Amino acid sequence: MIRLEETLVEVCAVLHDTFKKVENKALLKRLGSRLGSRLDRLLPSVIDDIKRLNLPKKNTKCSIEDVKKGENLVRKCSKSRRWCCFKVCCPIELCESDEDIARSCEDDTEANSTRNHGTEISINLNIVQEQEDSNWDRPRAFCAVRRPPIFTVGFDMPMKELKTLLLKDEVHHLLLTAPAGSGKTTLVQMLCQDEKIKGMFANNILFVNVSKTPNVKVIVQNLFSYKGYQPKYQIQSEEDAICQLPQMLSHIGPNPILLILDDVWLGSEFLFEKFKFNIPNYKILVTSRTAFPRFKHTYNLKQLNDVDAMTLFCHSAFLQDESSYIPEEDIKKIVRGCGGFPLVLKIIGGSLCGQHAVVWHSRLLKWSDGHFFFNSDTELLPHLQKSLEFPDDKIIIKECFLDLGSFYAEQRISAANLIDMWAELYELDEDGIHAIANLQELTIRNLANLEMTRKDASEVKSYYNEDFVTQHNILRELALHQSSQEPMGQRKRLIMNISGTNLPKWWMEQKQQPINARLLSISTDESFLGSWCNIQAPKVEVLVLNFQTKNYTLPEFVEKANELKVLIVSNRGFFHAEIKNFQLLWSLPNLKRIRLEKISISSLCKTLVPLKSLRKISLFMCNIGIAFENCTIQGSYALPNLKEINIDYCNDLVELPVGLCDIVHLKKLCITNCHKLFILPKGIGMLVNLEVLRIRSCTDLSELPESIRSLHKLSILDISNCLSISKLPIYIGELCNLKVLNMKGCLRLCNPLPESTIDLKQLMIVVCDEERAKLWEPIKDVLTKLKIEVAKKDINLNWLLK
């Protein structure tokens, strides 16, 4: 009998081939590329997960039905000339099929977080970030509602009341309000999981995180992309965005629409007015710390009662029956002091988890100032400071927490960014093991949330490029508050947020004193004009530049920042950005690490300068362009000390510069999620010092060059999820130091292994699926140290469905 998972693999392969055949036709060019690209990414990982994890048959059947439906629609539309009357990217049936396929994969494989001894470990089983061919093809997660935490308490009655109020016919606009840290977002997440709410609104629940500085254009662009539509004309202004949004909302029926505007700050309430439209069955739910009087219908979320507060605190502090050595009266006093705020209870509980009774009593004496009532954020923030009490041997954890304030609020912070920063600031290891340990400590204390992608055993201590950190906005405020306690000139980290032309007063003073900060972070908004004032930063070692404009000029003071070791340039706008003044970096004698996010690399090739000290460069979601392929990189001269290159989610990367092979000191080359990369340089064998080669999820790459045989120092080769690779190099056996080979998800690799494989005497781990594992069975008799790592099938996933 053919197993369901095998059937799903075969059906997906047929659908993938169908896309490849029709995507060049004018009618389906855009959609075929988009859906084919989606399958390129989902097929190797999701199908592999379904096969190995033995998911419920009901879900697998749904996936098969959705994929077959998609195949039939592609064939049907390839013969049709009809277009939808509204200007969209594709026929609406295919849009729906696209969403069905993605949703089936997400439903089948999505994992929530679980708690083990007070530690929340997030397991992500689906692809959380995608960058499509078009600026309109954005990640689905931008406007999707996240699942609520696994453990919640005290929300049953509030959710029932909120749902009843929301579903009333006369309620079109509803405000959910409570102080910071009360659980407003958690309540909304639970509401969206309610069967009645899902039944009513179906796929038309749109979630927008507004935060302190909302950008209407970006919000509307994300909403269009999330639903798979393209505006009739390019959105140039806020007025354009608001003009076109109701047309799309009117078109996504027939189900009612629920727009959730989460975390609307005082001063941003105008946003609600802009999104009010006269559309049938259209409701808006707003969450805010402020009880805006303009709302006719308001639900006030109260703090937890004493019983629920005690339950949540004991759970966070992992207090069970065996923890009776903590005096009950001490516990009650601390819980009362937390004022019923879920966030405060979790943070304080996490900070005391595993501590001795003496520590509990000592903390209680320090905190017992008589009254703990929180009527505003100004009272909450000082109270949260109590969670930042670390012993002397863990004071670096506090420093790492404060560093998280260097990035935008509610931003997913790449773990790679933090690894680079902390390697230089605190002399942690470059592989990131200690940095990840620090992030896990912060997660335990509920001061941040480390979300790690699922890893094979061979990757646990070596690959963190796909991991990221999130942080509640109130915790970022706490970090900023703590960092600003010292006088400006004495701060170890200086974090600035600039709006428009409103530069800090101290920056504009003529008699400006040098700053002594080692970490400098400057965040600018969409209205920033790029007019920098001079600043003296002789001790800055890490510079973080966050911006949102299409054109950005590096500040001129960078040229004199002689101690600068790490430069992170992060574009949080919708479009790729052009960078000017890049030539300022050539004079920096200590610059070791550069990370560029969503930058047009072609603009840098025009002013490429030698970077003699550079050891690592990372490009994330950058627009490579053909200029990069033609860019002259004289590695031995321009980058003589470069040891590591990371290129991730650069969707238009087709080829690598030939000159890259001249960077003979290179030790790590990681190219991941670059789906159009179809060939590697023939001269890659010249990288004789290469130790790690990751060509991961590059779905168009069909083969590895034979010159790879010359990489005698290579210890890790990762070609996982490279769908088009059908065979290994003939002379792979000459990789005499290869220890780990990851070929998971190489579904077309069906040919017998090369004879030279038996010469891989140092090979210890091969990661692959069950079908590929069969190819290695004969080799195991010769390579006695070899372990074939195949994910177990007997994993119980019932907890995922709760």
Foldseek 3Di string as FASTA:
>chain_A
DDDLLVLLLVLLVVLLVLLVVQCPPPQNVQVSQQLNLVSLQCNQQLSLCCVFAVFDPVLSVQLSVLSNQLSVVSVVVSPDDDDDPAAFRHHVVNLVSSVSNVVSSCLRFAFAWDDDLLFTAFEGRDDQFADGPDLLQGGLVQFDQDAAHPDDPDLPVVLVVVVVVQPDPVAFEEEEAAAPLQCPSNSVNVNCVDPVNCVQQPPQETEHEQADDRDQLQSLSNVCSNSRGDFPDDDDDSVSSLVGSVVVLQPPDPGAHEYEYEAQEVVRCVVVVSPDDPHPNHHYYYYYNDDDPVDPHYDYRAAHDLVRLLVLLCSNLVDDPVNPQQPPVLSSLVSVLQARRSLSSNLVSLLNRPPHNVVSVVLSVVPPPPDRHDPHLVSVLVSSVSSQDDPPVLNVLSVLLLVVLLDDAQDWAQLLQSLQVCCPPVVDDNQCPVVVVSVSSCSSSSLKDKHAYDDFPVPPRHDRRSITIHGHRSSSVSSVVVQPPDPQQAGQEAHEEDEAPDDDPLLPDPPHDAHAHQHYHYEYEQNHPADHGAHHHQNHAEYEYEYAYQEYEDDLNLLNNQNHAEYEYEHPHSAAHAYPPPLSQQNRLRHAEYEYERHACLNCLVNQAANARYAEYEYHCYADDCSQQVRDPQQCTRPVRHAEYHYENNQPDAEHHLNVLNNQNYAYYAYENRQNHAAYHLSVLSNQNHAEYAPYSNQNHAAHHLSVLNNLNHAEYHHRSNQRHQAYHQQVLSNQNHAEYEHRSNVNNQDAHHPSVLSNQNHQEYEYEPNVVVSCVVSCVRNVNHDYDYNHHPDDPPSRVD
